[in-house]
PDB file of N, CA and C in Angstrom:
ATOM      1  N   MET A   1      22.788  14.812 -11.689  1.00  0.00           N
ATOM      2  CA  MET A   1      22.145  14.174 -10.576  1.00  0.00           C
ATOM      3  C   MET A   1      21.559  12.841 -11.043  1.00  0.00           C
ATOM      4  N   PRO A   2      21.863  11.735 -10.336  1.00  0.00           N
ATOM      5  CA  PRO A   2      21.342  10.431 -10.767  1.00  0.00           C
ATOM      6  C   PRO A   2      19.833  10.345 -10.544  1.00  0.00           C
ATOM      7  N   ASP A   3      19.195   9.543 -11.387  1.00  0.00           N
ATOM      8  CA  ASP A   3      17.759   9.323 -11.233  1.00  0.00           C
ATOM      9  C   ASP A   3      17.482   8.568  -9.942  1.00  0.00           C
ATOM     10  N   LYS A   4      16.436   9.011  -9.238  1.00  0.00           N
ATOM     11  CA  LYS A   4      16.029   8.290  -8.038  1.00  0.00           C
ATOM     12  C   LYS A   4      15.226   7.066  -8.461  1.00  0.00           C
ATOM     13  N   PRO A   5      15.364   5.954  -7.719  1.00  0.00           N
ATOM     14  CA  PRO A   5      14.537   4.794  -8.058  1.00  0.00           C
ATOM     15  C   PRO A   5      13.064   5.146  -7.857  1.00  0.00           C
ATOM     16  N   PRO A   6      12.187   4.538  -8.637  1.00  0.00           N
ATOM     17  CA  PRO A   6      10.770   4.858  -8.504  1.00  0.00           C
ATOM     18  C   PRO A   6      10.232   4.445  -7.136  1.00  0.00           C
ATOM     19  N   THR A   7       9.282   5.207  -6.644  1.00  0.00           N
ATOM     20  CA  THR A   7       8.650   4.890  -5.372  1.00  0.00           C
ATOM     21  C   THR A   7       7.548   3.868  -5.628  1.00  0.00           C
ATOM     22  N   PRO A   8       7.545   2.768  -4.891  1.00  0.00           N
ATOM     23  CA  PRO A   8       6.506   1.762  -5.118  1.00  0.00           C
ATOM     24  C   PRO A   8       5.162   2.232  -4.579  1.00  0.00           C
ATOM     25  N   GLY A   9       4.099   1.673  -5.144  1.00  0.00           N
ATOM     26  CA  GLY A   9       2.781   1.842  -4.556  1.00  0.00           C
ATOM     27  C   GLY A   9       2.693   0.898  -3.370  1.00  0.00           C
ATOM     28  N   VAL A  10       2.076   1.329  -2.280  1.00  0.00           N
ATOM     29  CA  VAL A  10       2.034   0.516  -1.061  1.00  0.00           C
ATOM     30  C   VAL A  10       0.594   0.373  -0.593  1.00  0.00           C
ATOM     31  N   ILE A  11       0.219  -0.846  -0.260  1.00  0.00           N
ATOM     32  CA  ILE A  11      -1.079  -1.154   0.326  1.00  0.00           C
ATOM     33  C   ILE A  11      -0.818  -1.771   1.685  1.00  0.00           C
ATOM     34  N   VAL A  12      -1.471  -1.246   2.725  1.00  0.00           N
ATOM     35  CA  VAL A  12      -1.410  -1.850   4.054  1.00  0.00           C
ATOM     36  C   VAL A  12      -2.839  -2.180   4.448  1.00  0.00           C
ATOM     37  N   THR A  13      -3.091  -3.448   4.742  1.00  0.00           N
ATOM     38  CA  THR A  13      -4.451  -3.871   5.072  1.00  0.00           C
ATOM     39  C   THR A  13      -4.794  -3.565   6.524  1.00  0.00           C
ATOM     40  N   LYS A  14      -6.051  -3.671   6.845  1.00  0.00           N
ATOM     41  CA  LYS A  14      -6.500  -3.682   8.235  1.00  0.00           C
ATOM     42  C   LYS A  14      -6.045  -5.010   8.836  1.00  0.00           C
ATOM     43  N   MET A  15      -6.231  -5.162  10.136  1.00  0.00           N
ATOM     44  CA  MET A  15      -5.880  -6.426  10.787  1.00  0.00           C
ATOM     45  C   MET A  15      -6.699  -7.560  10.177  1.00  0.00           C
ATOM     46  N   VAL A  16      -6.025  -8.676   9.919  1.00  0.00           N
ATOM     47  CA  VAL A  16      -6.636  -9.846   9.296  1.00  0.00           C
ATOM     48  C   VAL A  16      -6.546 -11.016  10.263  1.00  0.00           C
ATOM     49  N   LYS A  17      -7.640 -11.697  10.455  1.00  0.00           N
ATOM     50  CA  LYS A  17      -7.641 -12.969  11.175  1.00  0.00           C
ATOM     51  C   LYS A  17      -8.167 -13.977  10.173  1.00  0.00           C
ATOM     52  N   ALA A  18      -7.282 -14.736   9.613  1.00  0.00           N
ATOM     53  CA  ALA A  18      -7.666 -15.625   8.527  1.00  0.00           C
ATOM     54  C   ALA A  18      -7.482 -17.081   8.936  1.00  0.00           C
ATOM     55  N   PRO A  19      -8.283 -17.953   8.365  1.00  0.00           N
ATOM     56  CA  PRO A  19      -8.069 -19.371   8.617  1.00  0.00           C
ATOM     57  C   PRO A  19      -6.745 -19.806   7.992  1.00  0.00           C
ATOM     58  N   ALA A  20      -6.274 -20.956   8.406  1.00  0.00           N
ATOM     59  CA  ALA A  20      -5.037 -21.478   7.810  1.00  0.00           C
ATOM     60  C   ALA A  20      -5.219 -21.531   6.299  1.00  0.00           C
ATOM     61  N   GLY A  21      -4.276 -21.010   5.600  1.00  0.00           N
ATOM     62  CA  GLY A  21      -4.386 -20.986   4.153  1.00  0.00           C
ATOM     63  C   GLY A  21      -3.118 -20.464   3.523  1.00  0.00           C
ATOM     64  N   LYS A  22      -3.231 -20.154   2.261  1.00  0.00           N
ATOM     65  CA  LYS A  22      -2.078 -19.601   1.545  1.00  0.00           C
ATOM     66  C   LYS A  22      -2.476 -18.276   0.929  1.00  0.00           C
ATOM     67  N   LEU A  23      -1.521 -17.345   0.930  1.00  0.00           N
ATOM     68  CA  LEU A  23      -1.737 -16.025   0.357  1.00  0.00           C
ATOM     69  C   LEU A  23      -1.426 -16.093  -1.130  1.00  0.00           C
ATOM     70  N   VAL A  24      -2.393 -15.667  -1.928  1.00  0.00           N
ATOM     71  CA  VAL A  24      -2.246 -15.672  -3.381  1.00  0.00           C
ATOM     72  C   VAL A  24      -2.489 -14.249  -3.877  1.00  0.00           C
ATOM     73  N   VAL A  25      -1.624 -13.771  -4.770  1.00  0.00           N
ATOM     74  CA  VAL A  25      -1.826 -12.474  -5.406  1.00  0.00           C
ATOM     75  C   VAL A  25      -2.075 -12.686  -6.890  1.00  0.00           C
ATOM     76  N   ASN A  26      -2.963 -11.873  -7.422  1.00  0.00           N
ATOM     77  CA  ASN A  26      -3.183 -11.833  -8.863  1.00  0.00           C
ATOM     78  C   ASN A  26      -2.533 -10.538  -9.332  1.00  0.00           C
ATOM     79  N   ALA A  27      -1.519 -10.680 -10.158  1.00  0.00           N
ATOM     80  CA  ALA A  27      -0.752  -9.512 -10.579  1.00  0.00           C
ATOM     81  C   ALA A  27      -0.076  -9.772 -11.917  1.00  0.00           C
ATOM     82  N   GLU A  28       0.186  -8.684 -12.619  1.00  0.00           N
ATOM     83  CA  GLU A  28       0.996  -8.740 -13.834  1.00  0.00           C
ATOM     84  C   GLU A  28       2.359  -8.193 -13.450  1.00  0.00           C
ATOM     85  N   LEU A  29       3.384  -9.039 -13.560  1.00  0.00           N
ATOM     86  CA  LEU A  29       4.714  -8.677 -13.087  1.00  0.00           C
ATOM     87  C   LEU A  29       5.735  -8.747 -14.211  1.00  0.00           C
ATOM     88  N   ALA A  30       6.622  -7.761 -14.250  1.00  0.00           N
ATOM     89  CA  ALA A  30       7.732  -7.806 -15.207  1.00  0.00           C
ATOM     90  C   ALA A  30       8.720  -8.896 -14.785  1.00  0.00           C
ATOM     91  N   ASP A  31       8.938  -9.010 -13.486  1.00  0.00           N
ATOM     92  CA  ASP A  31       9.759 -10.082 -12.925  1.00  0.00           C
ATOM     93  C   ASP A  31       9.316 -10.295 -11.482  1.00  0.00           C
ATOM     94  N   LEU A  32       9.836 -11.312 -10.839  1.00  0.00           N
ATOM     95  CA  LEU A  32       9.372 -11.684  -9.504  1.00  0.00           C
ATOM     96  C   LEU A  32       9.767 -10.699  -8.413  1.00  0.00           C
ATOM     97  N   SER A  33      10.612  -9.717  -8.726  1.00  0.00           N
ATOM     98  CA  SER A  33      10.960  -8.710  -7.720  1.00  0.00           C
ATOM     99  C   SER A  33      10.094  -7.451  -7.851  1.00  0.00           C
ATOM    100  N   SER A  34       9.101  -7.484  -8.742  1.00  0.00           N
ATOM    101  CA  SER A  34       8.241  -6.324  -8.978  1.00  0.00           C
ATOM    102  C   SER A  34       7.188  -6.121  -7.897  1.00  0.00           C
ATOM    103  N   LEU A  35       7.029  -7.114  -7.014  1.00  0.00           N
ATOM    104  CA  LEU A  35       6.027  -7.037  -5.959  1.00  0.00           C
ATOM    105  C   LEU A  35       6.595  -7.729  -4.729  1.00  0.00           C
ATOM    106  N   THR A  36       6.448  -7.107  -3.566  1.00  0.00           N
ATOM    107  CA  THR A  36       6.879  -7.738  -2.325  1.00  0.00           C
ATOM    108  C   THR A  36       5.747  -7.646  -1.303  1.00  0.00           C
ATOM    109  N   VAL A  37       5.762  -8.583  -0.371  1.00  0.00           N
ATOM    110  CA  VAL A  37       4.767  -8.641   0.694  1.00  0.00           C
ATOM    111  C   VAL A  37       5.506  -8.771   2.013  1.00  0.00           C
ATOM    112  N   GLU A  38       4.992  -8.071   3.028  1.00  0.00           N
ATOM    113  CA  GLU A  38       5.468  -8.231   4.403  1.00  0.00           C
ATOM    114  C   GLU A  38       4.259  -8.508   5.280  1.00  0.00           C
ATOM    115  N   ILE A  39       4.479  -9.272   6.341  1.00  0.00           N
ATOM    116  CA  ILE A  39       3.457  -9.499   7.348  1.00  0.00           C
ATOM    117  C   ILE A  39       3.791  -8.594   8.524  1.00  0.00           C
ATOM    118  N   LEU A  40       2.815  -7.803   8.957  1.00  0.00           N
ATOM    119  CA  LEU A  40       3.019  -6.848  10.042  1.00  0.00           C
ATOM    120  C   LEU A  40       2.204  -7.242  11.268  1.00  0.00           C
ATOM    121  N   ASP A  41       2.717  -6.874  12.444  1.00  0.00           N
ATOM    122  CA  ASP A  41       1.959  -7.075  13.677  1.00  0.00           C
ATOM    123  C   ASP A  41       1.003  -5.898  13.881  1.00  0.00           C
ATOM    124  N   ALA A  42       0.294  -5.893  14.992  1.00  0.00           N
ATOM    125  CA  ALA A  42      -0.704  -4.851  15.269  1.00  0.00           C
ATOM    126  C   ALA A  42      -0.100  -3.457  15.355  1.00  0.00           C
ATOM    127  N   HIS A  43       1.204  -3.365  15.631  1.00  0.00           N
ATOM    128  CA  HIS A  43       1.877  -2.069  15.759  1.00  0.00           C
ATOM    129  C   HIS A  43       2.532  -1.615  14.455  1.00  0.00           C
ATOM    130  N   GLY A  44       2.380  -2.398  13.392  1.00  0.00           N
ATOM    131  CA  GLY A  44       2.962  -2.028  12.102  1.00  0.00           C
ATOM    132  C   GLY A  44       4.389  -2.474  11.907  1.00  0.00           C
ATOM    133  N   ASN A  45       4.904  -3.331  12.810  1.00  0.00           N
ATOM    134  CA  ASN A  45       6.270  -3.855  12.688  1.00  0.00           C
ATOM    135  C   ASN A  45       6.251  -5.181  11.942  1.00  0.00           C
ATOM    136  N   ALA A  46       7.260  -5.399  11.115  1.00  0.00           N
ATOM    137  CA  ALA A  46       7.347  -6.667  10.386  1.00  0.00           C
ATOM    138  C   ALA A  46       7.533  -7.823  11.360  1.00  0.00           C
ATOM    139  N   VAL A  47       6.788  -8.894  11.144  1.00  0.00           N
ATOM    140  CA  VAL A  47       6.917 -10.106  11.954  1.00  0.00           C
ATOM    141  C   VAL A  47       8.220 -10.788  11.536  1.00  0.00           C
ATOM    142  N   PRO A  48       9.093 -11.132  12.501  1.00  0.00           N
ATOM    143  CA  PRO A  48      10.359 -11.775  12.141  1.00  0.00           C
ATOM    144  C   PRO A  48      10.145 -13.008  11.251  1.00  0.00           C
ATOM    145  N   GLY A  49      10.918 -13.045  10.169  1.00  0.00           N
ATOM    146  CA  GLY A  49      10.809 -14.135   9.203  1.00  0.00           C
ATOM    147  C   GLY A  49       9.810 -13.855   8.099  1.00  0.00           C
ATOM    148  N   PHE A  50       8.990 -12.814   8.263  1.00  0.00           N
ATOM    149  CA  PHE A  50       7.982 -12.466   7.268  1.00  0.00           C
ATOM    150  C   PHE A  50       8.223 -11.064   6.705  1.00  0.00           C
ATOM    151  N   GLU A  51       9.498 -10.621   6.728  1.00  0.00           N
ATOM    152  CA  GLU A  51       9.875  -9.336   6.156  1.00  0.00           C
ATOM    153  C   GLU A  51       9.947  -9.455   4.635  1.00  0.00           C
ATOM    154  N   ALA A  52       9.919  -8.310   3.954  1.00  0.00           N
ATOM    155  CA  ALA A  52       9.956  -8.282   2.483  1.00  0.00           C
ATOM    156  C   ALA A  52      11.184  -9.002   1.932  1.00  0.00           C
ATOM    157  N   LYS A  53      12.314  -8.914   2.641  1.00  0.00           N
ATOM    158  CA  LYS A  53      13.537  -9.550   2.126  1.00  0.00           C
ATOM    159  C   LYS A  53      13.412 -11.069   2.057  1.00  0.00           C
ATOM    160  N   HIS A  54      12.458 -11.644   2.776  1.00  0.00           N
ATOM    161  CA  HIS A  54      12.248 -13.093   2.755  1.00  0.00           C
ATOM    162  C   HIS A  54      11.127 -13.507   1.795  1.00  0.00           C
ATOM    163  N   CYS A  55      10.442 -12.526   1.201  1.00  0.00           N
ATOM    164  CA  CYS A  55       9.296 -12.797   0.336  1.00  0.00           C
ATOM    165  C   CYS A  55       9.736 -13.468  -0.970  1.00  0.00           C
ATOM    166  N   ARG A  56       9.059 -14.560  -1.297  1.00  0.00           N
ATOM    167  CA  ARG A  56       9.287 -15.265  -2.561  1.00  0.00           C
ATOM    168  C   ARG A  56       7.930 -15.521  -3.201  1.00  0.00           C
ATOM    169  N   LEU A  57       7.838 -15.334  -4.501  1.00  0.00           N
ATOM    170  CA  LEU A  57       6.605 -15.572  -5.232  1.00  0.00           C
ATOM    171  C   LEU A  57       6.741 -16.849  -6.043  1.00  0.00           C
ATOM    172  N   ARG A  58       5.767 -17.729  -5.888  1.00  0.00           N
ATOM    173  CA  ARG A  58       5.735 -18.973  -6.661  1.00  0.00           C
ATOM    174  C   ARG A  58       4.659 -18.822  -7.736  1.00  0.00           C
ATOM    175  N   ARG A  59       5.072 -18.882  -8.972  1.00  0.00           N
ATOM    176  CA  ARG A  59       4.179 -18.617 -10.098  1.00  0.00           C
ATOM    177  C   ARG A  59       3.297 -19.830 -10.393  1.00  0.00           C
ATOM    178  N   TYR A  60       1.979 -19.578 -10.496  1.00  0.00           N
ATOM    179  CA  TYR A  60       1.025 -20.603 -10.926  1.00  0.00           C
ATOM    180  C   TYR A  60       0.714 -20.465 -12.407  1.00  0.00           C
ATOM    181  N   ASP A  61       0.465 -19.239 -12.831  1.00  0.00           N
ATOM    182  CA  ASP A  61       0.197 -18.955 -14.241  1.00  0.00           C
ATOM    183  C   ASP A  61       0.579 -17.493 -14.498  1.00  0.00           C
ATOM    184  N   ASP A  62       0.149 -16.938 -15.616  1.00  0.00           N
ATOM    185  CA  ASP A  62       0.573 -15.584 -15.992  1.00  0.00           C
ATOM    186  C   ASP A  62       0.186 -14.506 -14.977  1.00  0.00           C
ATOM    187  N   LEU A  63      -0.862 -14.738 -14.179  1.00  0.00           N
ATOM    188  CA  LEU A  63      -1.342 -13.704 -13.267  1.00  0.00           C
ATOM    189  C   LEU A  63      -1.439 -14.143 -11.817  1.00  0.00           C
ATOM    190  N   ARG A  64      -1.175 -15.391 -11.503  1.00  0.00           N
ATOM    191  CA  ARG A  64      -1.410 -15.883 -10.135  1.00  0.00           C
ATOM    192  C   ARG A  64      -0.103 -16.372  -9.509  1.00  0.00           C
ATOM    193  N   TYR A  65       0.148 -15.875  -8.278  1.00  0.00           N
ATOM    194  CA  TYR A  65       1.373 -16.199  -7.557  1.00  0.00           C
ATOM    195  C   TYR A  65       1.049 -16.506  -6.102  1.00  0.00           C
ATOM    196  N   GLU A  66       1.661 -17.556  -5.567  1.00  0.00           N
ATOM    197  CA  GLU A  66       1.562 -17.829  -4.133  1.00  0.00           C
ATOM    198  C   GLU A  66       2.708 -17.100  -3.440  1.00  0.00           C
ATOM    199  N   VAL A  67       2.406 -16.459  -2.307  1.00  0.00           N
ATOM    200  CA  VAL A  67       3.415 -15.742  -1.538  1.00  0.00           C
ATOM    201  C   VAL A  67       3.943 -16.665  -0.450  1.00  0.00           C
ATOM    202  N   ARG A  68       5.266 -16.825  -0.421  1.00  0.00           N
ATOM    203  CA  ARG A  68       5.939 -17.629   0.595  1.00  0.00           C
ATOM    204  C   ARG A  68       7.067 -16.783   1.171  1.00  0.00           C
ATOM    205  N   PHE A  69       7.555 -17.201   2.314  1.00  0.00           N
ATOM    206  CA  PHE A  69       8.667 -16.502   2.968  1.00  0.00           C
ATOM    207  C   PHE A  69       9.749 -17.533   3.244  1.00  0.00           C
ATOM    208  N   GLU A  70      10.937 -17.304   2.709  1.00  0.00           N
ATOM    209  CA  GLU A  70      12.027 -18.265   2.816  1.00  0.00           C
ATOM    210  C   GLU A  70      13.090 -17.741   3.773  1.00  0.00           C
ATOM    211  N   SER A  71      13.397 -18.549   4.776  1.00  0.00           N
ATOM    212  CA  SER A  71      14.415 -18.150   5.754  1.00  0.00           C
ATOM    213  C   SER A  71      15.803 -18.478   5.224  1.00  0.00           C
ATOM    214  N   SER A  72      16.806 -18.001   5.932  1.00  0.00           N
ATOM    215  CA  SER A  72      18.192 -18.210   5.495  1.00  0.00           C
ATOM    216  C   SER A  72      18.571 -19.689   5.510  1.00  0.00           C
ATOM    217  N   ASP A  73      17.874 -20.510   6.301  1.00  0.00           N
ATOM    218  CA  ASP A  73      18.184 -21.950   6.320  1.00  0.00           C
ATOM    219  C   ASP A  73      17.394 -22.723   5.261  1.00  0.00           C
ATOM    220  N   GLY A  74      16.637 -21.994   4.409  1.00  0.00           N
ATOM    221  CA  GLY A  74      15.898 -22.631   3.330  1.00  0.00           C
ATOM    222  C   GLY A  74      14.488 -23.053   3.694  1.00  0.00           C
ATOM    223  N   THR A  75      14.089 -22.843   4.950  1.00  0.00           N
ATOM    224  CA  THR A  75      12.740 -23.188   5.377  1.00  0.00           C
ATOM    225  C   THR A  75      11.751 -22.219   4.753  1.00  0.00           C
ATOM    226  N   SER A  76      10.673 -22.749   4.206  1.00  0.00           N
ATOM    227  CA  SER A  76       9.660 -21.926   3.573  1.00  0.00           C
ATOM    228  C   SER A  76       8.437 -21.846   4.486  1.00  0.00           C
ATOM    229  N   ARG A  77       7.909 -20.615   4.662  1.00  0.00           N
ATOM    230  CA  ARG A  77       6.742 -20.392   5.505  1.00  0.00           C
ATOM    231  C   ARG A  77       5.674 -19.651   4.709  1.00  0.00           C
ATOM    232  N   THR A  78       4.425 -19.835   5.122  1.00  0.00           N
ATOM    233  CA  THR A  78       3.309 -19.147   4.491  1.00  0.00           C
ATOM    234  C   THR A  78       2.445 -18.537   5.590  1.00  0.00           C
ATOM    235  N   VAL A  79       1.366 -17.865   5.211  1.00  0.00           N
ATOM    236  CA  VAL A  79       0.498 -17.264   6.213  1.00  0.00           C
ATOM    237  C   VAL A  79      -0.144 -18.314   7.115  1.00  0.00           C
ATOM    238  N   LYS A  80      -0.207 -19.562   6.690  1.00  0.00           N
ATOM    239  CA  LYS A  80      -0.772 -20.599   7.574  1.00  0.00           C
ATOM    240  C   LYS A  80       0.071 -20.738   8.846  1.00  0.00           C
ATOM    241  N   ASP A  81       1.347 -20.372   8.775  1.00  0.00           N
ATOM    242  CA  ASP A  81       2.219 -20.434   9.945  1.00  0.00           C
ATOM    243  C   ASP A  81       1.920 -19.318  10.942  1.00  0.00           C
ATOM    244  N   LEU A  82       1.026 -18.406  10.586  1.00  0.00           N
ATOM    245  CA  LEU A  82       0.629 -17.313  11.475  1.00  0.00           C
ATOM    246  C   LEU A  82      -0.699 -17.600  12.173  1.00  0.00           C
ATOM    247  N   GLN A  83      -1.261 -18.752  11.948  1.00  0.00           N
ATOM    248  CA  GLN A  83      -2.590 -19.077  12.462  1.00  0.00           C
ATOM    249  C   GLN A  83      -2.674 -18.939  13.983  1.00  0.00           C
ATOM    250  N   GLN A  84      -1.594 -19.202  14.696  1.00  0.00           N
ATOM    251  CA  GLN A  84      -1.616 -19.123  16.155  1.00  0.00           C
ATOM    252  C   GLN A  84      -1.612 -17.689  16.681  1.00  0.00           C
ATOM    253  N   ARG A  85      -1.477 -16.692  15.816  1.00  0.00           N
ATOM    254  CA  ARG A  85      -1.479 -15.285  16.248  1.00  0.00           C
ATOM    255  C   ARG A  85      -2.909 -14.851  16.543  1.00  0.00           C
ATOM    256  N   ASP A  86      -3.276 -14.831  17.815  1.00  0.00           N
ATOM    257  CA  ASP A  86      -4.639 -14.454  18.213  1.00  0.00           C
ATOM    258  C   ASP A  86      -4.995 -13.048  17.780  1.00  0.00           C
ATOM    259  N   SER A  87      -3.995 -12.159  17.744  1.00  0.00           N
ATOM    260  CA  SER A  87      -4.267 -10.762  17.404  1.00  0.00           C
ATOM    261  C   SER A  87      -4.393 -10.532  15.905  1.00  0.00           C
ATOM    262  N   GLY A  88      -4.097 -11.512  15.103  1.00  0.00           N
ATOM    263  CA  GLY A  88      -4.134 -11.354  13.660  1.00  0.00           C
ATOM    264  C   GLY A  88      -2.866 -10.696  13.136  1.00  0.00           C
ATOM    265  N   PHE A  89      -2.943 -10.185  11.926  1.00  0.00           N
ATOM    266  CA  PHE A  89      -1.786  -9.565  11.281  1.00  0.00           C
ATOM    267  C   PHE A  89      -2.273  -8.644  10.181  1.00  0.00           C
ATOM    268  N   ARG A  90      -1.359  -7.840   9.662  1.00  0.00           N
ATOM    269  CA  ARG A  90      -1.616  -6.968   8.516  1.00  0.00           C
ATOM    270  C   ARG A  90      -0.711  -7.399   7.372  1.00  0.00           C
ATOM    271  N   LEU A  91      -1.092  -7.041   6.168  1.00  0.00           N
ATOM    272  CA  LEU A  91      -0.246  -7.245   4.993  1.00  0.00           C
ATOM    273  C   LEU A  91       0.215  -5.883   4.498  1.00  0.00           C
ATOM    274  N   ARG A  92       1.497  -5.791   4.160  1.00  0.00           N
ATOM    275  CA  ARG A  92       2.008  -4.609   3.455  1.00  0.00           C
ATOM    276  C   ARG A  92       2.506  -5.109   2.099  1.00  0.00           C
ATOM    277  N   ILE A  93       1.850  -4.666   1.059  1.00  0.00           N
ATOM    278  CA  ILE A  93       2.185  -5.093  -0.297  1.00  0.00           C
ATOM    279  C   ILE A  93       2.769  -3.892  -1.030  1.00  0.00           C
ATOM    280  N   LYS A  94       3.970  -4.082  -1.566  1.00  0.00           N
ATOM    281  CA  LYS A  94       4.615  -3.024  -2.361  1.00  0.00           C
ATOM    282  C   LYS A  94       4.608  -3.464  -3.825  1.00  0.00           C
ATOM    283  N   VAL A  95       4.114  -2.563  -4.667  1.00  0.00           N
ATOM    284  CA  VAL A  95       4.022  -2.827  -6.100  1.00  0.00           C
ATOM    285  C   VAL A  95       4.887  -1.800  -6.812  1.00  0.00           C
ATOM    286  N   PHE A  96       5.879  -2.284  -7.542  1.00  0.00           N
ATOM    287  CA  PHE A  96       6.793  -1.386  -8.240  1.00  0.00           C
ATOM    288  C   PHE A  96       6.235  -1.021  -9.616  1.00  0.00           C
ATOM    289  N   GLU A  97       6.829  -0.015 -10.257  1.00  0.00           N
ATOM    290  CA  GLU A  97       6.230   0.579 -11.444  1.00  0.00           C
ATOM    291  C   GLU A  97       6.067  -0.383 -12.616  1.00  0.00           C
ATOM    292  N   ASP A  98       6.809  -1.480 -12.627  1.00  0.00           N
ATOM    293  CA  ASP A  98       6.683  -2.433 -13.729  1.00  0.00           C
ATOM    294  C   ASP A  98       5.739  -3.585 -13.372  1.00  0.00           C
ATOM    295  N   ALA A  99       4.764  -3.317 -12.488  1.00  0.00           N
ATOM    296  CA  ALA A  99       3.821  -4.346 -12.065  1.00  0.00           C
ATOM    297  C   ALA A  99       2.433  -3.741 -11.872  1.00  0.00           C
ATOM    298  N   ALA A 100       1.439  -4.620 -11.887  1.00  0.00           N
ATOM    299  CA  ALA A 100       0.059  -4.219 -11.608  1.00  0.00           C
ATOM    300  C   ALA A 100      -0.561  -5.276 -10.712  1.00  0.00           C
ATOM    301  N   LEU A 101      -1.071  -4.854  -9.569  1.00  0.00           N
ATOM    302  CA  LEU A 101      -1.747  -5.755  -8.636  1.00  0.00           C
ATOM    303  C   LEU A 101      -3.247  -5.671  -8.888  1.00  0.00           C
ATOM    304  N   PHE A 102      -3.880  -6.832  -9.088  1.00  0.00           N
ATOM    305  CA  PHE A 102      -5.315  -6.873  -9.354  1.00  0.00           C
ATOM    306  C   PHE A 102      -6.105  -7.316  -8.121  1.00  0.00           C
ATOM    307  N   ALA A 103      -5.569  -8.288  -7.373  1.00  0.00           N
ATOM    308  CA  ALA A 103      -6.283  -8.812  -6.210  1.00  0.00           C
ATOM    309  C   ALA A 103      -5.324  -9.620  -5.349  1.00  0.00           C
ATOM    310  N   PHE A 104      -5.727  -9.823  -4.104  1.00  0.00           N
ATOM    311  CA  PHE A 104      -5.012 -10.748  -3.239  1.00  0.00           C
ATOM    312  C   PHE A 104      -6.041 -11.430  -2.352  1.00  0.00           C
ATOM    313  N   GLN A 105      -5.743 -12.656  -1.954  1.00  0.00           N
ATOM    314  CA  GLN A 105      -6.663 -13.405  -1.120  1.00  0.00           C
ATOM    315  C   GLN A 105      -5.920 -14.459  -0.317  1.00  0.00           C
ATOM    316  N   ILE A 106      -6.515 -14.849   0.791  1.00  0.00           N
ATOM    317  CA  ILE A 106      -5.988 -15.968   1.564  1.00  0.00           C
ATOM    318  C   ILE A 106      -6.923 -17.143   1.275  1.00  0.00           C
ATOM    319  N   LYS A 107      -6.398 -18.127   0.571  1.00  0.00           N
ATOM    320  CA  LYS A 107      -7.198 -19.279   0.158  1.00  0.00           C
ATOM    321  C   LYS A 107      -7.094 -20.363   1.231  1.00  0.00           C
ATOM    322  N   PRO A 108      -8.219 -20.852   1.726  1.00  0.00           N
ATOM    323  CA  PRO A 108      -8.184 -21.931   2.728  1.00  0.00           C
ATOM    324  C   PRO A 108      -7.496 -23.167   2.160  1.00  0.00           C
ATOM    325  N   LEU A 109      -6.854 -23.904   3.054  1.00  0.00           N
ATOM    326  CA  LEU A 109      -6.168 -25.138   2.629  1.00  0.00           C
ATOM    327  C   LEU A 109      -7.177 -26.238   2.393  1.00  0.00           C
TER     328      LEU A 109
END
């Protein structure tokens, strides 16, 4: 029987209403696919364009990464593009076994 892939640890936040800013995670990652982020609506559904498959991490240093979402046409979006959502949003962060998440924050621009 083949080994099953490891189950990631998952964090889902409460609804967030944040000022325009950028989402930054502090994490120790084996590689950039060790952590993914999705933006969810009030019903727990991924917001189009902000699904995990579009998540890209931009490395600042050994522990700090900016979370961006890249569309198929190459357009890059961040949480600041969600500012017009009056209802706010949730974050779903998946951390795989070769990673450790220490903190996340939305930094004002």
